[in-house]
Each structure stands twice: as structure tokens, then as C-alpha cells.
């Protein structure tokens, strides 16, 4: 478990016991839309159980961790594309449920997770994350965590079935996180 300096918050592996919390947060249409069209919506109990079973089957070092407050899952953070010990770049993704948004938890989770990833995959030189151009809240989270806007990819993403620009944020290994 990785402790965060926010209200009994931590990062920890996800297990099947988290399925009800995952479902509670992932039925949110706003969350689903801002994660992208590959995120199932409507989100069902079967989706939550499948996600949690897949996460429970992972072994350390984990590529995905739950964001928890008082040991209740309120979000998820992880590497969204496969990497191995020879990878030099990792693409991160995250979501935070509506009840935990706007309280400073997401930037702390990103900083802690970035440190975890760079420690466990020592060849990584750069972390990246994408945000839809219109998703100012997610873009602020990335900036607060120390990520820098490095590119805009025209019509790279899909929002509610329509092409949308993605904004690329990156964090080179040599930067020290600060919040």
C-alpha cells in the first residue's frame, strides 16, 4: 500500500472486493464519456466484476492500482498500454469517482504512482498521459502533478462517438515531483 497525504488515502492493488465500489463510480456518464469510447457505458455489475478479477490476477509490480480513501475504492490509476522491462515510455490513465473529485486527491495519486512506476520499471525515461482538449479538470490534474503539455493530437480521441483532439502531457524521469 502506498500512503497519500490526503484524508486516509492510499494506492493499493484492486481485488474482487472492490467490485461494488467500481460499479458505483463507473456508472457515472460523465466519467465514462471523459475516459473515452472504449469505456463501457452503461457500466454493469459484470463489467465491474470482470475488471476486478483481471486486476486481482496481476502480480507485482502492478501496472494498475486502486485509489482508495478509508480503504474504499474511489478511483483507479495505471499503465494503459502494455510495457515490459525494456520499455522507455509508459502511457498512464486514471479516473476518480465523482465523490472524490475536486479535492486534490488525483494529483497526489499521479505523483505517487509515477514514483512507483519509475522505481519498478527503471528503464522508463518518460511517462505520458492523454486528456481530451475540452477536459480542463483532467488537464489541471496533470499540470498540478507536474506533467507538461507536450503536444496536441488532432482528432486522436473519441468523445461520445465523435473525433476529438487529445492533449499529450509528459513527465521526463529527471523531473522531481512536487505538490
Foldseek 3Di string as FASTA:
>chain_A
DADFPPQQKGWAFAALVQLVLCLVQQCDPVQQLFQADVRDPNDDSVNSNVVRHVRVPDDPPGQKIFIDHVNHGFKMKGFDDDDDLQDAETEMDMTGGPVPPPPLSLLRVVLRVVVSVCVRNVNHFKYKYKGFPPCVSVVVSCVLFPWAFDDKAFQPGAGPRGGTIITMTMDGPPDHTDD
